[in-house]
Amino acid sequence: MAGTGAADDYAALFTADAAVIGFDGSQMNGRAQIASEIGAIFAEHLTAAYVGIVQDVRWLSPTIAVVRAIVGMIPPGQQEPTPDANAVQTVVAVKSDDR
């Protein structure tokens, strides 16, 4: 299981006012809630390795892009993604402070 530091590292990838919609439709708003919710998941469950293949990047401005990817998860102890867990995800990426 990943520790809470991993959840903090994950949340740090998002803007302070980020909005995340989970696979189950749940919502997380802001870095603090993202870290808290992901930390609870990491504490309660063995998490799968996450893999993705970017399918499309559409630049809305020099610092904002919409990224679409096909993603999957490799369960603990396995070597290949589980096809029934594949999904399409969309991210609005913002370049800020050279990140």
PDB file of N, CA and C in Angstrom:
ATOM      1  N   MET A   1       0.832  -1.179   0.000  1.00  0.00           N
ATOM      2  CA  MET A   1       0.000   0.000   0.000  1.00  0.00           C
ATOM      3  C   MET A   1       0.874   1.239   0.000  1.00  0.00           C
ATOM      4  N   ALA A   2       0.427   2.250  -0.673  1.00  0.00           N
ATOM      5  CA  ALA A   2       1.156   3.516  -0.709  1.00  0.00           C
ATOM      6  C   ALA A   2       0.850   4.304   0.560  1.00  0.00           C
ATOM      7  N   GLY A   3       1.795   5.113   0.979  1.00  0.00           N
ATOM      8  CA  GLY A   3       1.595   5.913   2.178  1.00  0.00           C
ATOM      9  C   GLY A   3       0.953   7.246   1.868  1.00  0.00           C
ATOM     10  N   THR A   4       0.706   8.028   2.939  1.00  0.00           N
ATOM     11  CA  THR A   4       0.076   9.324   2.746  1.00  0.00           C
ATOM     12  C   THR A   4       0.983  10.276   1.989  1.00  0.00           C
ATOM     13  N   GLY A   5       2.299  10.071   2.071  1.00  0.00           N
ATOM     14  CA  GLY A   5       3.206  10.903   1.288  1.00  0.00           C
ATOM     15  C   GLY A   5       2.936  10.762  -0.196  1.00  0.00           C
ATOM     16  N   ALA A   6       2.598   9.549  -0.629  1.00  0.00           N
ATOM     17  CA  ALA A   6       2.265   9.320  -2.038  1.00  0.00           C
ATOM     18  C   ALA A   6       1.007  10.082  -2.418  1.00  0.00           C
ATOM     19  N   ALA A   7       0.041  10.153  -1.523  1.00  0.00           N
ATOM     20  CA  ALA A   7      -1.183  10.904  -1.789  1.00  0.00           C
ATOM     21  C   ALA A   7      -0.876  12.394  -1.891  1.00  0.00           C
ATOM     22  N   ASP A   8      -0.003  12.883  -1.024  1.00  0.00           N
ATOM     23  CA  ASP A   8       0.400  14.291  -1.087  1.00  0.00           C
ATOM     24  C   ASP A   8       1.140  14.582  -2.390  1.00  0.00           C
ATOM     25  N   ASP A   9       2.010  13.655  -2.799  1.00  0.00           N
ATOM     26  CA  ASP A   9       2.734  13.819  -4.068  1.00  0.00           C
ATOM     27  C   ASP A   9       1.757  13.847  -5.237  1.00  0.00           C
ATOM     28  N   TYR A  10       0.771  12.979  -5.199  1.00  0.00           N
ATOM     29  CA  TYR A  10      -0.260  12.929  -6.237  1.00  0.00           C
ATOM     30  C   TYR A  10      -1.032  14.247  -6.280  1.00  0.00           C
ATOM     31  N   ALA A  11      -1.481  14.712  -5.122  1.00  0.00           N
ATOM     32  CA  ALA A  11      -2.264  15.948  -5.051  1.00  0.00           C
ATOM     33  C   ALA A  11      -1.454  17.148  -5.519  1.00  0.00           C
ATOM     34  N   ALA A  12      -0.152  17.128  -5.298  1.00  0.00           N
ATOM     35  CA  ALA A  12       0.707  18.247  -5.700  1.00  0.00           C
ATOM     36  C   ALA A  12       0.745  18.431  -7.217  1.00  0.00           C
ATOM     37  N   LEU A  13       0.333  17.417  -7.966  1.00  0.00           N
ATOM     38  CA  LEU A  13       0.300  17.520  -9.425  1.00  0.00           C
ATOM     39  C   LEU A  13      -0.864  18.369  -9.920  1.00  0.00           C
ATOM     40  N   PHE A  14      -1.814  18.663  -9.025  1.00  0.00           N
ATOM     41  CA  PHE A  14      -3.019  19.396  -9.395  1.00  0.00           C
ATOM     42  C   PHE A  14      -2.927  20.853  -8.968  1.00  0.00           C
ATOM     43  N   THR A  15      -3.682  21.708  -9.653  1.00  0.00           N
ATOM     44  CA  THR A  15      -3.768  23.106  -9.231  1.00  0.00           C
ATOM     45  C   THR A  15      -4.520  23.170  -7.898  1.00  0.00           C
ATOM     46  N   ALA A  16      -4.344  24.271  -7.191  1.00  0.00           N
ATOM     47  CA  ALA A  16      -4.968  24.422  -5.875  1.00  0.00           C
ATOM     48  C   ALA A  16      -6.487  24.291  -5.946  1.00  0.00           C
ATOM     49  N   ASP A  17      -7.087  24.688  -7.068  1.00  0.00           N
ATOM     50  CA  ASP A  17      -8.548  24.639  -7.206  1.00  0.00           C
ATOM     51  C   ASP A  17      -9.019  23.539  -8.161  1.00  0.00           C
ATOM     52  N   ALA A  18      -8.214  22.494  -8.314  1.00  0.00           N
ATOM     53  CA  ALA A  18      -8.543  21.402  -9.230  1.00  0.00           C
ATOM     54  C   ALA A  18      -9.857  20.723  -8.856  1.00  0.00           C
ATOM     55  N   ALA A  19     -10.515  20.179  -9.855  1.00  0.00           N
ATOM     56  CA  ALA A  19     -11.708  19.357  -9.660  1.00  0.00           C
ATOM     57  C   ALA A  19     -11.454  18.005 -10.318  1.00  0.00           C
ATOM     58  N   VAL A  20     -11.637  16.929  -9.556  1.00  0.00           N
ATOM     59  CA  VAL A  20     -11.397  15.570 -10.045  1.00  0.00           C
ATOM     60  C   VAL A  20     -12.690  14.777  -9.898  1.00  0.00           C
ATOM     61  N   ILE A  21     -13.043  14.043 -10.930  1.00  0.00           N
ATOM     62  CA  ILE A  21     -14.206  13.159 -10.883  1.00  0.00           C
ATOM     63  C   ILE A  21     -13.683  11.727 -10.914  1.00  0.00           C
ATOM     64  N   GLY A  22     -14.004  10.947  -9.893  1.00  0.00           N
ATOM     65  CA  GLY A  22     -13.554   9.563  -9.801  1.00  0.00           C
ATOM     66  C   GLY A  22     -14.297   8.656 -10.747  1.00  0.00           C
ATOM     67  N   PHE A  23     -13.780   7.435 -10.905  1.00  0.00           N
ATOM     68  CA  PHE A  23     -14.404   6.465 -11.813  1.00  0.00           C
ATOM     69  C   PHE A  23     -15.842   6.157 -11.407  1.00  0.00           C
ATOM     70  N   ASP A  24     -16.145   6.360 -10.118  1.00  0.00           N
ATOM     71  CA  ASP A  24     -17.488   6.069  -9.613  1.00  0.00           C
ATOM     72  C   ASP A  24     -18.389   7.299  -9.575  1.00  0.00           C
ATOM     73  N   GLY A  25     -17.881   8.421 -10.130  1.00  0.00           N
ATOM     74  CA  GLY A  25     -18.662   9.647 -10.147  1.00  0.00           C
ATOM     75  C   GLY A  25     -18.439  10.540  -8.937  1.00  0.00           C
ATOM     76  N   SER A  26     -17.659  10.071  -7.975  1.00  0.00           N
ATOM     77  CA  SER A  26     -17.357  10.899  -6.799  1.00  0.00           C
ATOM     78  C   SER A  26     -16.532  12.113  -7.227  1.00  0.00           C
ATOM     79  N   GLN A  27     -16.592  13.162  -6.422  1.00  0.00           N
ATOM     80  CA  GLN A  27     -15.881  14.391  -6.774  1.00  0.00           C
ATOM     81  C   GLN A  27     -14.917  14.791  -5.668  1.00  0.00           C
ATOM     82  N   MET A  28     -13.775  15.312  -6.084  1.00  0.00           N
ATOM     83  CA  MET A  28     -12.788  15.865  -5.171  1.00  0.00           C
ATOM     84  C   MET A  28     -12.476  17.271  -5.665  1.00  0.00           C
ATOM     85  N   ASN A  29     -12.523  18.240  -4.766  1.00  0.00           N
ATOM     86  CA  ASN A  29     -12.291  19.629  -5.137  1.00  0.00           C
ATOM     87  C   ASN A  29     -11.144  20.207  -4.317  1.00  0.00           C
ATOM     88  N   GLY A  30     -10.093  20.609  -5.006  1.00  0.00           N
ATOM     89  CA  GLY A  30      -8.928  21.212  -4.362  1.00  0.00           C
ATOM     90  C   GLY A  30      -7.914  20.183  -3.912  1.00  0.00           C
ATOM     91  N   ARG A  31      -6.662  20.642  -3.817  1.00  0.00           N
ATOM     92  CA  ARG A  31      -5.557  19.760  -3.450  1.00  0.00           C
ATOM     93  C   ARG A  31      -5.761  19.053  -2.119  1.00  0.00           C
ATOM     94  N   ALA A  32      -6.248  19.776  -1.114  1.00  0.00           N
ATOM     95  CA  ALA A  32      -6.404  19.175   0.211  1.00  0.00           C
ATOM     96  C   ALA A  32      -7.375  17.996   0.176  1.00  0.00           C
ATOM     97  N   GLN A  33      -8.502  18.161  -0.497  1.00  0.00           N
ATOM     98  CA  GLN A  33      -9.469  17.067  -0.574  1.00  0.00           C
ATOM     99  C   GLN A  33      -8.938  15.922  -1.426  1.00  0.00           C
ATOM    100  N   ILE A  34      -8.225  16.246  -2.496  1.00  0.00           N
ATOM    101  CA  ILE A  34      -7.624  15.201  -3.327  1.00  0.00           C
ATOM    102  C   ILE A  34      -6.666  14.380  -2.479  1.00  0.00           C
ATOM    103  N   ALA A  35      -5.769  15.036  -1.732  1.00  0.00           N
ATOM    104  CA  ALA A  35      -4.803  14.328  -0.881  1.00  0.00           C
ATOM    105  C   ALA A  35      -5.517  13.483   0.167  1.00  0.00           C
ATOM    106  N   SER A  36      -6.556  14.027   0.782  1.00  0.00           N
ATOM    107  CA  SER A  36      -7.286  13.309   1.820  1.00  0.00           C
ATOM    108  C   SER A  36      -7.978  12.066   1.263  1.00  0.00           C
ATOM    109  N   GLU A  37      -8.714  12.232   0.179  1.00  0.00           N
ATOM    110  CA  GLU A  37      -9.464  11.113  -0.410  1.00  0.00           C
ATOM    111  C   GLU A  37      -8.527  10.041  -0.965  1.00  0.00           C
ATOM    112  N   ILE A  38      -7.493  10.459  -1.675  1.00  0.00           N
ATOM    113  CA  ILE A  38      -6.543   9.494  -2.234  1.00  0.00           C
ATOM    114  C   ILE A  38      -5.767   8.815  -1.105  1.00  0.00           C
ATOM    115  N   GLY A  39      -5.428   9.582  -0.067  1.00  0.00           N
ATOM    116  CA  GLY A  39      -4.742   9.002   1.089  1.00  0.00           C
ATOM    117  C   GLY A  39      -5.571   7.907   1.742  1.00  0.00           C
ATOM    118  N   ALA A  40      -6.882   8.131   1.854  1.00  0.00           N
ATOM    119  CA  ALA A  40      -7.768   7.114   2.427  1.00  0.00           C
ATOM    120  C   ALA A  40      -7.801   5.866   1.551  1.00  0.00           C
ATOM    121  N   ILE A  41      -7.831   6.064   0.256  1.00  0.00           N
ATOM    122  CA  ILE A  41      -7.816   4.916  -0.670  1.00  0.00           C
ATOM    123  C   ILE A  41      -6.501   4.148  -0.516  1.00  0.00           C
ATOM    124  N   PHE A  42      -5.379   4.867  -0.508  1.00  0.00           N
ATOM    125  CA  PHE A  42      -4.079   4.214  -0.374  1.00  0.00           C
ATOM    126  C   PHE A  42      -3.972   3.470   0.965  1.00  0.00           C
ATOM    127  N   ALA A  43      -4.554   4.020   2.027  1.00  0.00           N
ATOM    128  CA  ALA A  43      -4.467   3.394   3.343  1.00  0.00           C
ATOM    129  C   ALA A  43      -5.336   2.136   3.446  1.00  0.00           C
ATOM    130  N   GLU A  44      -6.422   2.087   2.679  1.00  0.00           N
ATOM    131  CA  GLU A  44      -7.389   0.995   2.812  1.00  0.00           C
ATOM    132  C   GLU A  44      -7.234  -0.112   1.764  1.00  0.00           C
ATOM    133  N   HIS A  45      -6.571   0.196   0.658  1.00  0.00           N
ATOM    134  CA  HIS A  45      -6.543  -0.755  -0.458  1.00  0.00           C
ATOM    135  C   HIS A  45      -5.142  -0.889  -1.045  1.00  0.00           C
ATOM    136  N   LEU A  46      -4.853  -2.086  -1.528  1.00  0.00           N
ATOM    137  CA  LEU A  46      -3.687  -2.254  -2.388  1.00  0.00           C
ATOM    138  C   LEU A  46      -4.062  -1.627  -3.721  1.00  0.00           C
ATOM    139  N   THR A  47      -3.280  -0.699  -4.186  1.00  0.00           N
ATOM    140  CA  THR A  47      -3.640  -0.009  -5.419  1.00  0.00           C
ATOM    141  C   THR A  47      -2.888  -0.591  -6.606  1.00  0.00           C
ATOM    142  N   ALA A  48      -3.516  -0.552  -7.737  1.00  0.00           N
ATOM    143  CA  ALA A  48      -2.934  -1.054  -8.977  1.00  0.00           C
ATOM    144  C   ALA A  48      -1.961  -0.031  -9.552  1.00  0.00           C
ATOM    145  N   ALA A  49      -1.021  -0.524 -10.361  1.00  0.00           N
ATOM    146  CA  ALA A  49      -0.164   0.373 -11.137  1.00  0.00           C
ATOM    147  C   ALA A  49      -1.016   0.968 -12.252  1.00  0.00           C
ATOM    148  N   TYR A  50      -0.789   2.212 -12.545  1.00  0.00           N
ATOM    149  CA  TYR A  50      -1.605   2.965 -13.491  1.00  0.00           C
ATOM    150  C   TYR A  50      -0.800   3.156 -14.772  1.00  0.00           C
ATOM    151  N   VAL A  51      -1.384   2.823 -15.906  1.00  0.00           N
ATOM    152  CA  VAL A  51      -0.710   3.008 -17.191  1.00  0.00           C
ATOM    153  C   VAL A  51      -1.622   3.793 -18.126  1.00  0.00           C
ATOM    154  N   GLY A  52      -1.033   4.586 -18.984  1.00  0.00           N
ATOM    155  CA  GLY A  52      -1.836   5.368 -19.912  1.00  0.00           C
ATOM    156  C   GLY A  52      -1.131   5.579 -21.234  1.00  0.00           C
ATOM    157  N   ILE A  53      -1.919   5.733 -22.266  1.00  0.00           N
ATOM    158  CA  ILE A  53      -1.412   6.053 -23.597  1.00  0.00           C
ATOM    159  C   ILE A  53      -2.154   7.297 -24.070  1.00  0.00           C
ATOM    160  N   VAL A  54      -1.418   8.369 -24.248  1.00  0.00           N
ATOM    161  CA  VAL A  54      -2.022   9.623 -24.688  1.00  0.00           C
ATOM    162  C   VAL A  54      -2.496   9.455 -26.131  1.00  0.00           C
ATOM    163  N   GLN A  55      -3.761   9.780 -26.356  1.00  0.00           N
ATOM    164  CA  GLN A  55      -4.367   9.661 -27.675  1.00  0.00           C
ATOM    165  C   GLN A  55      -4.429  10.992 -28.417  1.00  0.00           C
ATOM    166  N   ASP A  56      -4.564  12.085 -27.640  1.00  0.00           N
ATOM    167  CA  ASP A  56      -4.782  13.371 -28.281  1.00  0.00           C
ATOM    168  C   ASP A  56      -4.403  14.492 -27.325  1.00  0.00           C
ATOM    169  N   VAL A  57      -3.769  15.526 -27.860  1.00  0.00           N
ATOM    170  CA  VAL A  57      -3.486  16.744 -27.099  1.00  0.00           C
ATOM    171  C   VAL A  57      -3.990  17.906 -27.936  1.00  0.00           C
ATOM    172  N   ARG A  58      -4.865  18.708 -27.354  1.00  0.00           N
ATOM    173  CA  ARG A  58      -5.407  19.884 -28.044  1.00  0.00           C
ATOM    174  C   ARG A  58      -5.054  21.122 -27.236  1.00  0.00           C
ATOM    175  N   TRP A  59      -4.236  21.973 -27.839  1.00  0.00           N
ATOM    176  CA  TRP A  59      -3.797  23.195 -27.168  1.00  0.00           C
ATOM    177  C   TRP A  59      -4.872  24.262 -27.296  1.00  0.00           C
ATOM    178  N   LEU A  60      -5.312  24.780 -26.156  1.00  0.00           N
ATOM    179  CA  LEU A  60      -6.291  25.861 -26.127  1.00  0.00           C
ATOM    180  C   LEU A  60      -5.599  27.215 -26.088  1.00  0.00           C
ATOM    181  N   SER A  61      -4.384  27.214 -25.573  1.00  0.00           N
ATOM    182  CA  SER A  61      -3.534  28.405 -25.514  1.00  0.00           C
ATOM    183  C   SER A  61      -2.106  27.895 -25.333  1.00  0.00           C
ATOM    184  N   PRO A  62      -1.098  28.771 -25.307  1.00  0.00           N
ATOM    185  CA  PRO A  62       0.274  28.289 -25.085  1.00  0.00           C
ATOM    186  C   PRO A  62       0.488  27.625 -23.719  1.00  0.00           C
ATOM    187  N   THR A  63      -0.431  27.808 -22.774  1.00  0.00           N
ATOM    188  CA  THR A  63      -0.244  27.239 -21.440  1.00  0.00           C
ATOM    189  C   THR A  63      -1.377  26.316 -20.986  1.00  0.00           C
ATOM    190  N   ILE A  64      -2.354  26.053 -21.853  1.00  0.00           N
ATOM    191  CA  ILE A  64      -3.490  25.200 -21.481  1.00  0.00           C
ATOM    192  C   ILE A  64      -3.741  24.188 -22.597  1.00  0.00           C
ATOM    193  N   ALA A  65      -3.839  22.912 -22.211  1.00  0.00           N
ATOM    194  CA  ALA A  65      -4.115  21.856 -23.180  1.00  0.00           C
ATOM    195  C   ALA A  65      -5.138  20.884 -22.610  1.00  0.00           C
ATOM    196  N   VAL A  66      -5.923  20.295 -23.493  1.00  0.00           N
ATOM    197  CA  VAL A  66      -6.819  19.210 -23.137  1.00  0.00           C
ATOM    198  C   VAL A  66      -6.133  17.928 -23.606  1.00  0.00           C
ATOM    199  N   VAL A  67      -5.916  17.009 -22.668  1.00  0.00           N
ATOM    200  CA  VAL A  67      -5.213  15.760 -22.955  1.00  0.00           C
ATOM    201  C   VAL A  67      -6.195  14.614 -22.774  1.00  0.00           C
ATOM    202  N   ARG A  68      -6.280  13.753 -23.783  1.00  0.00           N
ATOM    203  CA  ARG A  68      -7.154  12.574 -23.722  1.00  0.00           C
ATOM    204  C   ARG A  68      -6.283  11.336 -23.806  1.00  0.00           C
ATOM    205  N   ALA A  69      -6.532  10.369 -22.912  1.00  0.00           N
ATOM    206  CA  ALA A  69      -5.711   9.164 -22.869  1.00  0.00           C
ATOM    207  C   ALA A  69      -6.567   7.931 -22.621  1.00  0.00           C
ATOM    208  N   ILE A  70      -6.076   6.807 -23.105  1.00  0.00           N
ATOM    209  CA  ILE A  70      -6.636   5.505 -22.765  1.00  0.00           C
ATOM    210  C   ILE A  70      -5.811   5.023 -21.576  1.00  0.00           C
ATOM    211  N   VAL A  71      -6.486   4.625 -20.505  1.00  0.00           N
ATOM    212  CA  VAL A  71      -5.774   4.241 -19.286  1.00  0.00           C
ATOM    213  C   VAL A  71      -6.222   2.867 -18.820  1.00  0.00           C
ATOM    214  N   GLY A  72      -5.344   2.241 -18.078  1.00  0.00           N
ATOM    215  CA  GLY A  72      -5.646   0.943 -17.502  1.00  0.00           C
ATOM    216  C   GLY A  72      -4.895   0.759 -16.203  1.00  0.00           C
ATOM    217  N   MET A  73      -5.180  -0.340 -15.533  1.00  0.00           N
ATOM    218  CA  MET A  73      -4.544  -0.626 -14.262  1.00  0.00           C
ATOM    219  C   MET A  73      -4.002  -2.043 -14.258  1.00  0.00           C
ATOM    220  N   ILE A  74      -2.803  -2.187 -13.691  1.00  0.00           N
ATOM    221  CA  ILE A  74      -2.185  -3.499 -13.517  1.00  0.00           C
ATOM    222  C   ILE A  74      -2.325  -3.849 -12.034  1.00  0.00           C
ATOM    223  N   PRO A  75      -3.179  -4.823 -11.707  1.00  0.00           N
ATOM    224  CA  PRO A  75      -3.396  -5.172 -10.304  1.00  0.00           C
ATOM    225  C   PRO A  75      -2.108  -5.655  -9.631  1.00  0.00           C
ATOM    226  N   PRO A  76      -2.014  -5.463  -8.309  1.00  0.00           N
ATOM    227  CA  PRO A  76      -0.844  -5.954  -7.582  1.00  0.00           C
ATOM    228  C   PRO A  76      -0.607  -7.431  -7.854  1.00  0.00           C
ATOM    229  N   GLY A  77       0.639  -7.790  -8.113  1.00  0.00           N
ATOM    230  CA  GLY A  77       0.995  -9.182  -8.370  1.00  0.00           C
ATOM    231  C   GLY A  77       0.802  -9.632  -9.801  1.00  0.00           C
ATOM    232  N   GLN A  78       0.274  -8.774 -10.664  1.00  0.00           N
ATOM    233  CA  GLN A  78       0.085  -9.133 -12.063  1.00  0.00           C
ATOM    234  C   GLN A  78       1.023  -8.322 -12.941  1.00  0.00           C
ATOM    235  N   GLN A  79       1.172  -8.730 -14.178  1.00  0.00           N
ATOM    236  CA  GLN A  79       2.082  -8.073 -15.111  1.00  0.00           C
ATOM    237  C   GLN A  79       1.389  -7.310 -16.229  1.00  0.00           C
ATOM    238  N   GLU A  80       0.112  -7.579 -16.422  1.00  0.00           N
ATOM    239  CA  GLU A  80      -0.629  -6.980 -17.530  1.00  0.00           C
ATOM    240  C   GLU A  80      -1.858  -6.225 -17.014  1.00  0.00           C
ATOM    241  N   PRO A  81      -2.273  -5.190 -17.752  1.00  0.00           N
ATOM    242  CA  PRO A  81      -3.494  -4.476 -17.360  1.00  0.00           C
ATOM    243  C   PRO A  81      -4.716  -5.385 -17.427  1.00  0.00           C
ATOM    244  N   THR A  82      -5.691  -5.096 -16.590  1.00  0.00           N
ATOM    245  CA  THR A  82      -6.973  -5.794 -16.603  1.00  0.00           C
ATOM    246  C   THR A  82      -7.888  -5.048 -17.576  1.00  0.00           C
ATOM    247  N   PRO A  83      -8.228  -5.644 -18.740  1.00  0.00           N
ATOM    248  CA  PRO A  83      -8.993  -4.925 -19.770  1.00  0.00           C
ATOM    249  C   PRO A  83     -10.314  -4.343 -19.286  1.00  0.00           C
ATOM    250  N   ASP A  84     -10.996  -5.003 -18.337  1.00  0.00           N
ATOM    251  CA  ASP A  84     -12.285  -4.474 -17.891  1.00  0.00           C
ATOM    252  C   ASP A  84     -12.137  -3.224 -17.026  1.00  0.00           C
ATOM    253  N   ALA A  85     -10.899  -2.860 -16.680  1.00  0.00           N
ATOM    254  CA  ALA A  85     -10.666  -1.627 -15.916  1.00  0.00           C
ATOM    255  C   ALA A  85     -10.179  -0.486 -16.816  1.00  0.00           C
ATOM    256  N   ASN A  86     -10.087  -0.734 -18.124  1.00  0.00           N
ATOM    257  CA  ASN A  86      -9.652   0.323 -19.038  1.00  0.00           C
ATOM    258  C   ASN A  86     -10.691   1.441 -19.091  1.00  0.00           C
ATOM    259  N   ALA A  87     -10.210   2.648 -19.333  1.00  0.00           N
ATOM    260  CA  ALA A  87     -11.101   3.804 -19.390  1.00  0.00           C
ATOM    261  C   ALA A  87     -10.487   4.862 -20.296  1.00  0.00           C
ATOM    262  N   VAL A  88     -11.292   5.833 -20.655  1.00  0.00           N
ATOM    263  CA  VAL A  88     -10.816   7.021 -21.359  1.00  0.00           C
ATOM    264  C   VAL A  88     -10.860   8.152 -20.348  1.00  0.00           C
ATOM    265  N   GLN A  89      -9.757   8.876 -20.216  1.00  0.00           N
ATOM    266  CA  GLN A  89      -9.713   9.996 -19.282  1.00  0.00           C
ATOM    267  C   GLN A  89      -9.319  11.265 -20.015  1.00  0.00           C
ATOM    268  N   THR A  90      -9.841  12.370 -19.522  1.00  0.00           N
ATOM    269  CA  THR A  90      -9.534  13.676 -20.082  1.00  0.00           C
ATOM    270  C   THR A  90      -9.016  14.569 -18.958  1.00  0.00           C
ATOM    271  N   VAL A  91      -7.942  15.282 -19.244  1.00  0.00           N
ATOM    272  CA  VAL A  91      -7.326  16.202 -18.286  1.00  0.00           C
ATOM    273  C   VAL A  91      -7.174  17.558 -18.955  1.00  0.00           C
ATOM    274  N   VAL A  92      -7.506  18.618 -18.237  1.00  0.00           N
ATOM    275  CA  VAL A  92      -7.168  19.961 -18.675  1.00  0.00           C
ATOM    276  C   VAL A  92      -5.857  20.279 -17.971  1.00  0.00           C
ATOM    277  N   ALA A  93      -4.783  20.370 -18.739  1.00  0.00           N
ATOM    278  CA  ALA A  93      -3.444  20.606 -18.196  1.00  0.00           C
ATOM    279  C   ALA A  93      -3.099  22.082 -18.315  1.00  0.00           C
ATOM    280  N   VAL A  94      -2.553  22.618 -17.234  1.00  0.00           N
ATOM    281  CA  VAL A  94      -2.196  24.045 -17.184  1.00  0.00           C
ATOM    282  C   VAL A  94      -0.725  24.172 -16.836  1.00  0.00           C
ATOM    283  N   LYS A  95       0.022  24.921 -17.651  1.00  0.00           N
ATOM    284  CA  LYS A  95       1.424  25.180 -17.343  1.00  0.00           C
ATOM    285  C   LYS A  95       1.479  26.408 -16.422  1.00  0.00           C
ATOM    286  N   SER A  96       2.116  26.195 -15.269  1.00  0.00           N
ATOM    287  CA  SER A  96       2.230  27.258 -14.285  1.00  0.00           C
ATOM    288  C   SER A  96       3.582  27.132 -13.606  1.00  0.00           C
ATOM    289  N   ASP A  97       4.296  28.231 -13.468  1.00  0.00           N
ATOM    290  CA  ASP A  97       5.619  28.210 -12.835  1.00  0.00           C
ATOM    291  C   ASP A  97       6.535  27.177 -13.491  1.00  0.00           C
ATOM    292  N   ASP A  98       6.508  27.110 -14.815  1.00  0.00           N
ATOM    293  CA  ASP A  98       7.314  26.167 -15.597  1.00  0.00           C
ATOM    294  C   ASP A  98       7.037  24.700 -15.271  1.00  0.00           C
ATOM    295  N   ARG A  99       5.829  24.403 -14.776  1.00  0.00           N
ATOM    296  CA  ARG A  99       5.412  23.025 -14.506  1.00  0.00           C
ATOM    297  C   ARG A  99       4.141  22.731 -15.273  1.00  0.00           C
TER     298      ARG A  99
END
